[in-house]
Amino acid sequence: MRRKMLFKLEPPKVLVFGFGTIILLGSLLLSLPSATTDGKGLSWLDALFTATSATCVTGLVVVDTGDTFTQFGEMVILSMIQIGGLGFMSFATLLAFILGKRISLKERLIIQESLNNATVEGVVRLVKRILIFTAVIEIAGAILLSLRFAQDMAAGKAIYFGFFHAISNFNNAGFDLMGEFHGLTAYADDPVINITLISLISLGGIGFIVMNELFEYKSTKRISLHSKMVLSVSSVLVLGGALLIFILEYNNPNTLKPLTMAGKILGSFYQSVTPRTAGSNTLNIGDLTQTTLFLIIFLMFIGASPGSTGGGIKTTTFAILMGAVKAQIRGREDVTFFGRRMDYSIIYKSLTVTLMALFLIIFVTMVLTITEPGKDFLMLFFETVSAFATVGLSMGLTPELSPLGKILITFTMFAGRIGPMTLAFAVAKKRKEDHYRYPAGKVMIG
């Protein structure tokens, strides 16, 4: 009965309800005495914050994961990361496969919405591929990480750490077990850790649609316009970001300067990739120069690609907006990429997503300046963008947030994971079709 009532809702409402339910269940489990090493459990607000951060694959933490939680608590967090990264509808579909149940049209529409897929056609087949890709990539990453961690710790702990960090980083969550809020700074110049995690983050961030097309390329010899845009924009952002970070941090004694040349290159690339909504870090974020921090804010705001485990406004949205600016400057009416014209509805949607994201970030940052008096503005701005883009990077503000600040950041993470437009559709009244058009009007611009 509940299942029938749930799927009578529109897809955006189902997604909001589904993610909300997972967060509330996770909050309850993390508040249990068995979830924390002190045997007291988290307070309800810290449990809600942590559950939201895990389910929304963000990685912002009010308490250190490795120091605070028992293995039970860590597994609860890891489960929420996995469900949140792939989307609860992917797991609902997996359960239906196991039980041999048919996927209805309504459920296919919800899967389409959750994966941000263009059409409902082939979504069930795509979910099957997603589950296979995820299992193969996470296991491969876990094996590589486990072998490296085994050089520093007992074999059992190394395997556990390997799987935890592989799942966390493939899902762009950023949670780690290193303790004392140090992140992965101890491995800043380690090639195995850096290359493995960069690969996991990148694969999780390009989107399952692109991943599926690359997998099928040998037989189809075809790459869609969407995949071309994702791969080209992602490459430019990662390479450009790494180069700028290398230049800006080269002589910073607290970040790149003490490292070898190989370490400097690895550190630059890792810090360029992680703002794509991964959130793990090999350099201390608070020690970066202000210029680098602002660059990371820009990269976080753009985020990953549609249909991925990451957040942000997405690479394709950024590309379309830049294409519209370029077309306007050149006096052209059409926005084109790779010989294809963008429909105006896509341009309007890109503009709407970007403006809604900016309005949310501005509002939350303004309120945080009131609730967190005495805190540096850049720190507040950085935290807000990181929460919205579900990145998880922090300059150290998260554990010091006031109760109201935690609530604000919790809502921002939820809105960022669901998507501002999806959230708006979920809470808005049912849309009605317009049966008329107003006369055209003209205003001066610029």
Protein backbone atom coordinates (compact mmCIF):
# COMPACT_ATOMS: atom_id res chain seq x y z
CA MET A 1 0.00 0.00 0.00
CA ARG A 2 2.74 2.45 0.95
CA ARG A 3 4.61 1.58 -2.23
CA LYS A 4 1.51 2.36 -4.32
CA MET A 5 0.94 5.65 -2.49
CA LEU A 6 4.60 6.62 -2.93
CA PHE A 7 4.62 6.05 -6.67
CA LYS A 8 1.45 8.04 -7.15
CA LEU A 9 3.58 11.10 -6.38
CA GLU A 10 5.39 12.99 -9.12
CA PRO A 11 9.04 11.90 -9.65
CA PRO A 12 10.58 15.00 -7.95
CA LYS A 13 8.44 14.39 -4.83
CA VAL A 14 9.44 10.72 -4.76
CA LEU A 15 13.13 11.64 -4.90
CA VAL A 16 12.81 14.17 -2.08
CA PHE A 17 10.79 11.69 0.00
CA GLY A 18 13.23 8.85 -0.70
CA PHE A 19 16.39 10.74 0.17
CA GLY A 20 14.69 12.24 3.23
CA THR A 21 13.70 8.80 4.48
CA ILE A 22 17.25 7.45 4.08
CA ILE A 23 18.65 10.46 5.95
CA LEU A 24 16.21 10.08 8.84
CA LEU A 25 16.92 6.34 9.12
CA GLY A 26 20.67 7.01 9.04
CA SER A 27 20.31 9.72 11.68
CA LEU A 28 18.53 7.26 13.97
CA LEU A 29 21.25 4.62 13.53
CA LEU A 30 24.10 7.10 14.11
CA SER A 31 22.47 8.30 17.33
CA LEU A 32 22.59 4.76 18.78
CA PRO A 33 25.20 4.14 21.52
CA SER A 34 26.77 1.36 19.42
CA ALA A 35 27.57 3.83 16.62
CA THR A 36 30.23 5.82 18.50
CA THR A 37 33.38 4.82 20.37
CA ASP A 38 32.29 6.63 23.54
CA GLY A 39 29.10 4.55 23.72
CA LYS A 40 26.86 7.63 23.81
CA GLY A 41 25.85 8.02 20.16
CA LEU A 42 25.75 11.34 18.34
CA SER A 43 23.41 14.15 19.31
CA TRP A 44 20.34 14.33 17.09
CA LEU A 45 21.66 17.40 15.22
CA ASP A 46 25.15 15.95 14.63
CA ALA A 47 23.57 12.64 13.57
CA LEU A 48 21.28 14.46 11.12
CA PHE A 49 24.21 16.47 9.75
CA THR A 50 26.41 13.39 9.31
CA ALA A 51 23.61 11.31 7.76
CA THR A 52 22.79 14.12 5.32
CA SER A 53 26.45 14.54 4.43
CA ALA A 54 26.81 10.80 3.77
CA THR A 55 23.54 10.33 1.86
CA CYS A 56 24.16 13.47 -0.19
CA VAL A 57 27.76 12.24 -0.77
CA THR A 58 29.23 15.47 0.53
CA GLY A 59 31.85 14.65 3.14
CA LEU A 60 31.53 17.63 5.47
CA VAL A 61 31.88 16.34 9.04
CA VAL A 62 31.23 17.85 12.47
CA VAL A 63 33.18 15.01 14.11
CA ASP A 64 36.12 13.06 12.72
CA THR A 65 34.87 9.82 11.15
CA GLY A 66 37.85 7.64 12.04
CA ASP A 67 38.10 8.83 15.66
CA THR A 68 34.39 9.03 16.54
CA PHE A 69 32.61 6.03 15.05
CA THR A 70 32.74 2.33 15.75
CA GLN A 71 32.90 -0.07 12.83
CA PHE A 72 29.11 -0.27 13.00
CA GLY A 73 28.83 3.52 12.70
CA GLU A 74 31.33 3.57 9.84
CA MET A 75 29.39 0.88 7.98
CA VAL A 76 26.18 2.87 8.40
CA ILE A 77 27.94 5.87 6.86
CA LEU A 78 29.39 3.74 4.06
CA SER A 79 25.96 2.27 3.28
CA MET A 80 24.43 5.74 3.04
CA ILE A 81 27.29 6.87 0.79
CA GLN A 82 26.67 3.95 -1.56
CA ILE A 83 22.90 4.44 -1.66
CA GLY A 84 23.19 8.22 -1.95
CA GLY A 85 25.84 8.08 -4.66
CA LEU A 86 23.99 5.71 -6.95
CA GLY A 87 20.53 6.95 -5.98
CA PHE A 88 17.99 5.04 -3.93
CA MET A 89 16.04 4.22 -7.10
CA SER A 90 19.01 2.22 -8.41
CA PHE A 91 18.87 0.11 -5.25
CA ALA A 92 15.08 -0.20 -5.50
CA THR A 93 15.58 -1.46 -9.06
CA LEU A 94 18.22 -3.94 -7.86
CA LEU A 95 15.77 -5.26 -5.27
CA ALA A 96 13.11 -5.61 -7.98
CA PHE A 97 15.59 -7.59 -10.11
CA ILE A 98 16.32 -9.92 -7.19
CA LEU A 99 12.62 -10.45 -6.47
CA GLY A 100 11.83 -10.87 -10.16
CA LYS A 101 9.39 -7.95 -10.23
CA ARG A 102 8.60 -5.88 -13.32
CA ILE A 103 9.63 -2.21 -13.38
CA SER A 104 6.55 -0.09 -14.10
CA LEU A 105 6.44 2.98 -16.33
CA LYS A 106 6.02 5.24 -13.30
CA GLU A 107 9.11 3.72 -11.70
CA ARG A 108 11.03 4.14 -14.95
CA LEU A 109 10.11 7.84 -14.96
CA ILE A 110 11.44 8.19 -11.42
CA ILE A 111 14.67 6.42 -12.40
CA GLN A 112 14.96 8.79 -15.36
CA GLU A 113 14.58 11.77 -13.01
CA SER A 114 17.08 10.40 -10.49
CA LEU A 115 19.71 9.71 -13.16
CA ASN A 116 18.99 12.99 -14.96
CA ASN A 117 18.61 10.97 -18.16
CA ALA A 118 17.20 12.63 -21.29
CA THR A 119 14.63 9.89 -22.04
CA VAL A 120 12.93 7.01 -20.25
CA GLU A 121 14.03 4.60 -22.97
CA GLY A 122 16.65 2.11 -21.82
CA VAL A 123 16.84 3.34 -18.19
CA VAL A 124 16.43 -0.14 -16.72
CA ARG A 125 19.25 -1.48 -18.89
CA LEU A 126 21.33 1.54 -17.84
CA VAL A 127 20.71 0.80 -14.14
CA LYS A 128 21.94 -2.77 -14.68
CA ARG A 129 25.12 -1.39 -16.26
CA ILE A 130 25.52 1.15 -13.44
CA LEU A 131 25.42 -1.60 -10.81
CA ILE A 132 27.99 -3.68 -12.72
CA PHE A 133 30.29 -0.70 -13.38
CA THR A 134 30.10 0.31 -9.74
CA ALA A 135 30.96 -3.14 -8.43
CA VAL A 136 33.89 -3.64 -10.81
CA ILE A 137 35.40 -0.18 -10.32
CA GLU A 138 35.02 -0.15 -6.54
CA ILE A 139 36.50 -3.64 -6.15
CA ALA A 140 39.44 -2.79 -8.41
CA GLY A 141 40.09 0.44 -6.51
CA ALA A 142 39.74 -1.32 -3.16
CA ILE A 143 42.33 -3.96 -4.12
CA LEU A 144 44.89 -1.34 -5.18
CA LEU A 145 44.33 0.76 -2.06
CA SER A 146 44.42 -2.29 0.21
CA LEU A 147 47.77 -3.38 -1.19
CA ARG A 148 49.20 0.07 -0.54
CA PHE A 149 47.67 0.45 2.94
CA ALA A 150 49.03 -3.01 3.84
CA GLN A 151 52.49 -1.46 3.88
CA ASP A 152 51.44 0.81 6.77
CA MET A 153 48.96 -1.29 8.78
CA ALA A 154 47.73 -4.81 9.49
CA ALA A 155 46.26 -6.73 6.54
CA GLY A 156 42.68 -6.78 7.88
CA LYS A 157 42.68 -3.08 8.59
CA ALA A 158 44.27 -2.37 5.20
CA ILE A 159 41.49 -4.25 3.37
CA TYR A 160 38.84 -2.43 5.40
CA PHE A 161 40.46 0.94 4.72
CA GLY A 162 40.85 0.04 1.04
CA PHE A 163 37.16 -0.74 0.53
CA PHE A 164 35.96 2.22 2.61
CA HIS A 165 38.05 4.78 0.72
CA ALA A 166 37.34 3.21 -2.68
CA ILE A 167 33.57 3.40 -2.15
CA SER A 168 33.78 6.86 -0.58
CA ASN A 169 35.83 8.36 -3.41
CA PHE A 170 34.08 6.65 -6.33
CA ASN A 171 30.83 8.06 -4.98
CA ASN A 172 32.53 11.45 -4.59
CA ALA A 173 31.78 11.48 -0.85
CA GLY A 174 35.15 12.42 0.67
CA PHE A 175 34.77 10.62 4.01
CA ASP A 176 38.03 9.16 5.33
CA LEU A 177 39.21 7.11 8.32
CA MET A 178 42.65 8.67 8.84
CA GLY A 179 41.70 10.47 12.06
CA GLU A 180 42.24 13.91 13.60
CA PHE A 181 40.73 15.67 10.55
CA HIS A 182 44.02 15.08 8.68
CA GLY A 183 42.41 13.66 5.56
CA LEU A 184 44.90 12.02 3.20
CA THR A 185 47.67 14.56 3.83
CA ALA A 186 50.06 11.77 4.88
CA TYR A 187 49.89 10.47 1.29
CA ALA A 188 50.33 13.80 -0.52
CA ASP A 189 53.19 12.50 -2.68
CA ASP A 190 52.25 8.81 -2.80
CA PRO A 191 51.69 7.83 -6.47
CA VAL A 192 49.55 4.72 -5.80
CA ILE A 193 47.11 6.47 -3.47
CA ASN A 194 46.91 9.62 -5.61
CA ILE A 195 46.50 7.94 -9.00
CA THR A 196 44.01 5.36 -7.71
CA LEU A 197 41.82 7.94 -5.97
CA ILE A 198 42.04 10.41 -8.88
CA SER A 199 40.85 7.62 -11.19
CA LEU A 200 37.98 6.67 -8.86
CA ILE A 201 36.87 10.29 -8.44
CA SER A 202 37.06 10.97 -12.19
CA LEU A 203 35.10 7.85 -13.14
CA GLY A 204 32.43 8.64 -10.57
CA GLY A 205 32.27 12.26 -11.73
CA ILE A 206 31.90 11.89 -15.52
CA GLY A 207 28.50 10.22 -15.17
CA PHE A 208 27.21 6.74 -15.87
CA ILE A 209 25.80 7.73 -19.27
CA VAL A 210 29.27 8.71 -20.47
CA MET A 211 30.79 5.63 -18.86
CA ASN A 212 28.28 3.41 -20.65
CA GLU A 213 29.00 5.03 -24.02
CA LEU A 214 32.75 4.59 -23.57
CA PHE A 215 32.14 0.94 -22.69
CA GLU A 216 30.07 0.44 -25.86
CA TYR A 217 32.34 2.52 -28.12
CA LYS A 218 34.22 -0.50 -29.49
CA SER A 219 30.99 -1.85 -31.01
CA THR A 220 29.08 1.37 -31.73
CA LYS A 221 31.99 3.65 -32.77
CA ARG A 222 29.79 6.52 -31.60
CA ILE A 223 30.11 9.17 -28.91
CA SER A 224 27.08 11.38 -28.26
CA LEU A 225 27.19 15.16 -28.08
CA HIS A 226 26.58 14.93 -24.33
CA SER A 227 29.63 12.71 -23.78
CA LYS A 228 31.82 14.88 -26.01
CA MET A 229 30.88 17.96 -23.98
CA VAL A 230 31.42 16.20 -20.65
CA LEU A 231 34.82 14.79 -21.58
CA SER A 232 36.11 18.00 -23.18
CA VAL A 233 34.94 20.35 -20.42
CA SER A 234 36.11 17.98 -17.66
CA SER A 235 39.55 17.70 -19.25
CA VAL A 236 39.93 21.47 -19.57
CA LEU A 237 38.84 22.08 -15.97
CA VAL A 238 41.12 19.41 -14.49
CA LEU A 239 44.19 20.29 -16.56
CA GLY A 240 43.66 24.04 -16.23
CA GLY A 241 42.95 23.76 -12.50
CA ALA A 242 46.04 21.59 -11.90
CA LEU A 243 48.28 24.03 -13.78
CA LEU A 244 46.97 27.04 -11.85
CA ILE A 245 47.25 25.26 -8.48
CA PHE A 246 50.82 24.20 -9.34
CA ILE A 247 51.77 27.81 -10.11
CA LEU A 248 49.91 29.37 -7.18
CA GLU A 249 51.09 26.88 -4.54
CA TYR A 250 54.59 26.11 -5.84
CA ASN A 251 56.34 28.29 -3.25
CA ASN A 252 53.79 27.89 -0.45
CA PRO A 253 55.78 26.34 2.46
CA ASN A 254 52.60 24.83 3.93
CA THR A 255 51.48 22.97 0.79
CA LEU A 256 53.56 22.16 -2.31
CA LYS A 257 56.98 23.65 -1.53
CA PRO A 258 58.23 20.84 0.77
CA LEU A 259 57.25 18.12 -1.76
CA THR A 260 59.36 16.64 -4.54
CA MET A 261 58.57 17.64 -8.13
CA ALA A 262 56.51 14.45 -8.55
CA GLY A 263 54.71 15.26 -5.29
CA LYS A 264 53.98 18.80 -6.47
CA ILE A 265 52.44 17.48 -9.70
CA LEU A 266 50.37 14.83 -7.87
CA GLY A 267 49.25 17.37 -5.25
CA SER A 268 48.22 19.86 -7.93
CA PHE A 269 46.22 17.28 -9.88
CA TYR A 270 44.54 15.84 -6.78
CA GLN A 271 43.43 19.26 -5.55
CA SER A 272 42.16 20.03 -9.07
CA VAL A 273 40.15 16.80 -9.29
CA THR A 274 38.71 16.75 -5.77
CA PRO A 275 36.62 19.98 -6.16
CA ARG A 276 34.68 18.07 -8.83
CA THR A 277 32.66 17.09 -5.70
CA ALA A 278 34.93 14.39 -4.24
CA GLY A 279 35.92 16.26 -1.07
CA SER A 280 38.95 14.23 0.00
CA ASN A 281 42.23 16.16 0.17
CA THR A 282 45.98 15.48 0.25
CA LEU A 283 46.89 19.08 1.10
CA ASN A 284 45.59 21.01 4.10
CA ILE A 285 42.83 23.17 2.58
CA GLY A 286 43.21 25.87 5.25
CA ASP A 287 46.86 26.37 4.26
CA LEU A 288 46.14 27.14 0.59
CA THR A 289 46.50 30.71 -0.64
CA GLN A 290 43.35 32.81 -0.97
CA THR A 291 43.73 32.80 -4.76
CA THR A 292 43.79 29.01 -4.81
CA LEU A 293 40.81 28.83 -2.47
CA PHE A 294 38.80 31.08 -4.77
CA LEU A 295 39.79 28.90 -7.74
CA ILE A 296 38.59 25.82 -5.84
CA ILE A 297 35.28 27.58 -5.09
CA PHE A 298 34.85 28.13 -8.84
CA LEU A 299 35.63 24.47 -9.60
CA MET A 300 33.29 23.27 -6.83
CA PHE A 301 30.44 25.41 -8.14
CA ILE A 302 30.73 23.80 -11.58
CA GLY A 303 31.06 20.35 -10.05
CA ALA A 304 30.73 17.00 -11.81
CA SER A 305 28.66 15.90 -14.80
CA PRO A 306 24.96 14.96 -15.16
CA GLY A 307 24.00 11.43 -14.14
CA SER A 308 27.08 11.08 -11.93
CA THR A 309 27.68 10.66 -8.20
CA GLY A 310 28.71 14.34 -7.95
CA GLY A 311 26.96 17.69 -7.52
CA GLY A 312 27.39 21.31 -8.62
CA ILE A 313 25.64 22.98 -11.51
CA LYS A 314 27.33 20.38 -13.76
CA THR A 315 29.91 20.65 -16.53
CA THR A 316 27.37 20.71 -19.36
CA THR A 317 25.44 23.57 -17.74
CA PHE A 318 28.65 25.60 -17.49
CA ALA A 319 29.56 24.80 -21.11
CA ILE A 320 26.15 25.86 -22.43
CA LEU A 321 26.28 29.17 -20.53
CA MET A 322 29.78 29.87 -21.88
CA GLY A 323 28.55 28.93 -25.36
CA ALA A 324 25.64 31.38 -25.03
CA VAL A 325 28.01 34.17 -23.98
CA LYS A 326 30.31 33.39 -26.91
CA ALA A 327 27.39 33.36 -29.36
CA GLN A 328 26.07 36.68 -28.03
CA ILE A 329 29.48 38.36 -28.29
CA ARG A 330 29.87 37.15 -31.87
CA GLY A 331 26.36 38.29 -32.75
CA ARG A 332 25.10 34.79 -33.49
CA GLU A 333 21.63 33.56 -32.66
CA ASP A 334 22.47 29.87 -32.19
CA VAL A 335 24.60 28.24 -29.51
CA THR A 336 26.51 25.39 -31.13
CA PHE A 337 28.83 22.60 -29.98
CA PHE A 338 30.49 20.06 -32.25
CA GLY A 339 28.30 21.08 -35.16
CA ARG A 340 25.03 20.79 -33.20
CA ARG A 341 22.65 23.61 -32.19
CA MET A 342 21.40 23.81 -28.61
CA ASP A 343 17.64 24.05 -28.17
CA TYR A 344 16.50 27.20 -26.35
CA SER A 345 14.82 25.10 -23.64
CA ILE A 346 18.24 23.68 -22.69
CA ILE A 347 19.74 27.17 -22.49
CA TYR A 348 16.84 28.39 -20.31
CA LYS A 349 17.21 25.37 -18.04
CA SER A 350 20.98 25.96 -17.70
CA LEU A 351 20.37 29.60 -16.80
CA THR A 352 17.66 28.66 -14.29
CA VAL A 353 19.81 26.03 -12.56
CA THR A 354 22.76 28.43 -12.29
CA LEU A 355 20.73 31.35 -10.96
CA MET A 356 18.88 29.18 -8.43
CA ALA A 357 22.23 27.82 -7.23
CA LEU A 358 23.67 31.33 -6.93
CA PHE A 359 20.63 32.61 -5.03
CA LEU A 360 20.79 29.68 -2.59
CA ILE A 361 24.54 30.13 -2.01
CA ILE A 362 24.20 33.90 -1.52
CA PHE A 363 21.29 33.48 0.89
CA VAL A 364 22.97 30.78 3.00
CA THR A 365 26.29 32.67 3.10
CA MET A 366 24.53 35.85 4.21
CA VAL A 367 22.71 34.03 7.01
CA LEU A 368 25.94 32.31 8.11
CA THR A 369 27.59 35.72 8.55
CA ILE A 370 24.88 36.31 11.19
CA THR A 371 24.88 32.88 12.85
CA GLU A 372 28.69 32.51 12.82
CA PRO A 373 29.93 35.94 14.00
CA GLY A 374 33.67 36.58 13.83
CA LYS A 375 34.29 33.94 11.15
CA ASP A 376 36.20 34.87 7.99
CA PHE A 377 33.86 35.58 5.07
CA LEU A 378 35.89 33.45 2.64
CA MET A 379 35.61 30.53 5.07
CA LEU A 380 31.81 30.89 5.20
CA PHE A 381 31.53 31.27 1.43
CA PHE A 382 33.80 28.25 0.87
CA GLU A 383 31.76 26.11 3.25
CA THR A 384 28.46 27.06 1.60
CA VAL A 385 29.64 26.31 -1.95
CA SER A 386 31.20 23.04 -0.76
CA ALA A 387 27.88 22.03 0.83
CA PHE A 388 25.77 22.99 -2.19
CA ALA A 389 28.07 21.24 -4.66
CA THR A 390 28.20 18.20 -2.30
CA VAL A 391 32.00 18.42 -2.30
CA GLY A 392 32.98 18.19 1.36
CA LEU A 393 36.14 20.28 1.32
CA SER A 394 36.39 22.59 4.33
CA MET A 395 38.74 25.21 5.69
CA GLY A 396 38.03 23.85 9.18
CA LEU A 397 34.71 25.59 9.84
CA THR A 398 32.37 22.57 9.98
CA PRO A 399 33.14 21.33 13.53
CA GLU A 400 32.80 24.92 14.82
CA LEU A 401 29.36 25.62 13.33
CA SER A 402 26.58 26.79 15.62
CA PRO A 403 23.37 24.69 15.78
CA LEU A 404 21.63 27.02 13.32
CA GLY A 405 24.70 26.96 11.08
CA LYS A 406 24.60 23.15 11.03
CA ILE A 407 20.92 23.22 10.07
CA LEU A 408 21.62 25.66 7.23
CA ILE A 409 24.48 23.58 5.86
CA THR A 410 22.40 20.41 6.23
CA PHE A 411 19.62 21.93 4.11
CA THR A 412 22.18 23.19 1.57
CA MET A 413 23.68 19.70 1.17
CA PHE A 414 20.21 18.20 0.69
CA ALA A 415 19.21 20.85 -1.87
CA GLY A 416 22.51 20.39 -3.70
CA ARG A 417 22.14 16.61 -3.96
CA ILE A 418 18.49 16.64 -5.01
CA GLY A 419 19.07 19.60 -7.32
CA PRO A 420 17.49 23.04 -6.88
CA MET A 421 15.05 22.55 -9.76
CA THR A 422 13.94 19.10 -8.58
CA LEU A 423 13.46 20.44 -5.07
CA ALA A 424 11.48 23.42 -6.40
CA PHE A 425 9.24 21.13 -8.50
CA ALA A 426 8.68 18.91 -5.46
CA VAL A 427 7.43 21.71 -3.19
CA ALA A 428 5.64 23.78 -5.84
CA LYS A 429 1.99 23.43 -6.69
CA LYS A 430 1.07 21.31 -9.69
CA ARG A 431 2.01 23.14 -12.83
CA LYS A 432 -0.71 24.23 -15.22
CA GLU A 433 -0.30 24.64 -18.94
CA ASP A 434 -0.61 28.15 -20.37
CA HIS A 435 -3.38 28.46 -22.94
CA TYR A 436 -2.37 31.92 -24.07
CA ARG A 437 0.72 34.07 -24.76
CA TYR A 438 1.31 37.68 -23.81
CA PRO A 439 2.28 40.29 -26.43
CA ALA A 440 6.06 40.61 -26.94
CA GLY A 441 7.80 43.41 -25.05
CA LYS A 442 11.25 45.00 -25.30
CA VAL A 443 13.59 46.24 -22.57
CA MET A 444 17.12 47.62 -22.62
CA ILE A 445 19.88 45.20 -21.55
CA GLY A 446 23.44 46.08 -20.48
